[in-house]
């Protein structure tokens, strides 16, 4: 039987698994039936034999009983034969049972093998699907690479590399060739006919040579420290002569030919700038600036070359007001202050009847007195014509406090008699700007007297009216709405902060006016932050080694842990890292948007940014007609659902990547765990780890292979401001700022990145917070409760533009960064304040994520019981610095387009879970 079974095995192997199983089941059923039949037969046969034996015994007994010694009716040989047959059947039964057990064993083995083969088939099917998907994704990446290669070849032809710096080789010559100097009237000097542009190429730095000064005053030292100053006169574009307030005290006898004594004056002073900060009028002293630009602080009548010579306030005025302004807390609200209109000017009775200007002043005085007499509310005015004055500018001693409480302040500027004292006017004007009192300038001539009036749009900060409108001024001012008043006051404050808040800003603004406005040269590029590295080239290892001195718990035990997104969900191609394009609009922005550069809150003529979140966006059709470089439209422009959506970035901007910046402090285990979760993240350019821990990373750390470079930068100090340093290693516009304990799924990150690309000027992220008003204490509160509106996105998980890192580190009021270091908190609030201040827009929240708690993490700032108290304090302090609450509320969050939308089975959603 065993041999027969072994003989059948090749026979069984000829069948498929399913047929083999069916055959075995049939055989098994037949064997069971045979077994039952045999058992029934043997049982019946045994009973029959037993019955016969009993009957035979009974008959024998009866026969013996009744008949005595009768002869037996059955032969003894037949009984033995039956016994042998029974034994044979029992042997057969045992053999059948053994065969059945063998078959059952084979059946179990075959079923097991069948299950294994079935599982193997399923795995192979899954593997085929996975490999097919990988192949499809690889083909997409190849297609993207082919497109990128084609674009690169085409872009090379249109790419303009920066030319070599064109610097002059010699100092100015003594005269301009072929020019009759005697026939040229220097009073007609303009930039096009009196300035030598050949020394100031558009493609060379703006270099200024500062002549030595025998007495180095504060002004001279500030000029000397400016970044545009060079020591080599041969490469200079501008030659600067500084005449400060102490110049004539040291040099008592100065001849009219003093300017000719300068070694590079070259007879006519071209490309020279005379910065006269002294009280003397150089023209009245007989000095002839010739082709030199003259900067004066006297009456505008002393400058008869408009758009060539410059009127500016004295440095002493800048310093005086800057000091007073630093002691003030100026608020934009309420829109209407205690005094609706103020006038603070000493009017002496002795000047009555002398000249038009004197009569005009008296006319204003009479008009204001008449206004008071007819007004119902006398307290809305503050007019002082005989105030105490202990300064040199004929300004009332309490002027700063009065203007701080004034909505408007009246400033007369009469120069018809050529005797306007600009020192007095500038002191009042700049004081009004610094205090937020809107200047109302009454003039009697068309002479430009406001600083940098050629480029600064003073109409947004001041109201200028001719003297003939003085009687209608009050009614006119009453028509301004609260929003108008706050907007103008805001612009006043920002112009003052931007250009006049310190002597350094004043000097930098002066150089920017000459270089950027007059010469149309781009500003100096803003500098990146260069750091030393602990690791620059990544060390890859799939096995994460946890340092022994890490006291934090395993990441798997951390609360609020979210599973990674579906591995089968395709989120985008894995690309080689590439940088965002930078400094593409150096000249177009400088030349064509110069007005915006000087007057928009978001930009500055002092620095040139690599890119701006406010850069113009091409129309949709441009990407299909001549401007296709870098664009990756969905479905090649046809559109589509999830499949086509995942293959390209689409949107309104060219393709790009993002950089992740992680701030960490003594939590290596958590850091490494979250780093590992970033493996194969699409569109990731680089990960920068800001190592705030005083000690260097333990040598046992081996960084995970995430498919992107990991850079660990060394911090000079443990400061939360380090999170927003514009590191030179950041080569992308998009930055994902996250904490070391923040764990985000890949689909969440990619979705937030796509949303940010459509709102590049906003903070786009996950945890939302808001500011609430405490009416009992009249102060602001930081609130993290669940709410239907928010005003902040925590930068522990948020996208933002690199531009804001520059602004935060270099241009934001330094008091805010100082406060962050003081409380070791609030850097995220400070960034939200800054972005809302610059854009007047709220941030954007994505998905339903509300918090990223890590209760088992060591050194968590939020675990401190004083955490919220510090944040309450920060908000109110920042409001006092900005002068208003810049945060704005939002009542919506962003989810993907097809989120929770029923679609047909042959379509895919944009994302599976968001």
Foldseek 3Di string as FASTA:
>chain_A
DVVVVVVCVVVLVVDDLVVSLVVLVVVLVVLVVVLVVLVVVLVVLVVVVVVVVVVQVVVVVVCCVPVNPDDRPDDPVVVVVVVVVSVVSVVVSVVSVVVSVVSVVVSVVSVVVVVVVVVVVVVVVVVVVVVVLVVVLVVLVVVVVVVQVVLVVVVVVVDDDQDDAQFAQAFDALDDPPDDVVPDDLLQAACVPLADCSRPDLRHAAAEEEDDDPDCDPLNVLLVPDPRYDPDNRRHQAYEYEAAACNCVVVVDDDLCNCVPDPRCSNANHRYEYAHLHPDLNVVVNHDNHSYAYEDQFFLVSRSHPNRHFHDEHQVLLVVLLVVLVVDQAFLPPLAFQAAEEEWAAQDPVCPPPDDVNVLVVVLVVLVVVVCVPDPDNRNYHYDHHADDDDDLRTHPCLLVVLLRYLAYEQEQECPVPHGGSNNRVSNLLSNLSSLHQYEYEYADDRDRDGPVVQEPCVLQHHYDYSVCSNVVVVVSVPQDSVSSSRNSLLSNLLCLQARSHSSSVSLVVSLCCCLPVSVHAAAAQDADEFDFPDFFAFADADWDDDPPQPFDALVPWPPDDDAADPPQQQERADAADFDQFPPCRRVCSPVVVSCQPRASLHHRNHDYRDDLPDDFDDPCVCVPPNVNQADAQVNVPHAFAVSCRSGLHDGDGDAAEEEEEEDERRVNLLQVQQQQLASQHRYAEYEYEYQYPDDDDPSGHHHPRPYGYIYGYDPHNAPLVQLRRHPPGRYFKYWYAYSNDHDHSVQLSVQVSVCVNVQLAKEFAAFWAWDADPVVRAIFTGQDDDQKGFFDFSNTIMHTNSLSSCSVPPPPVVLSVLCRVVVDCPRVVSSQVSLVNPVDGHAHADNHHDRDGPSGPPDLVVDPCSRVSNRVSQRVVCSVSSHRSTDMDRDHDDAPCVVNDDDPVGDHNGDHD
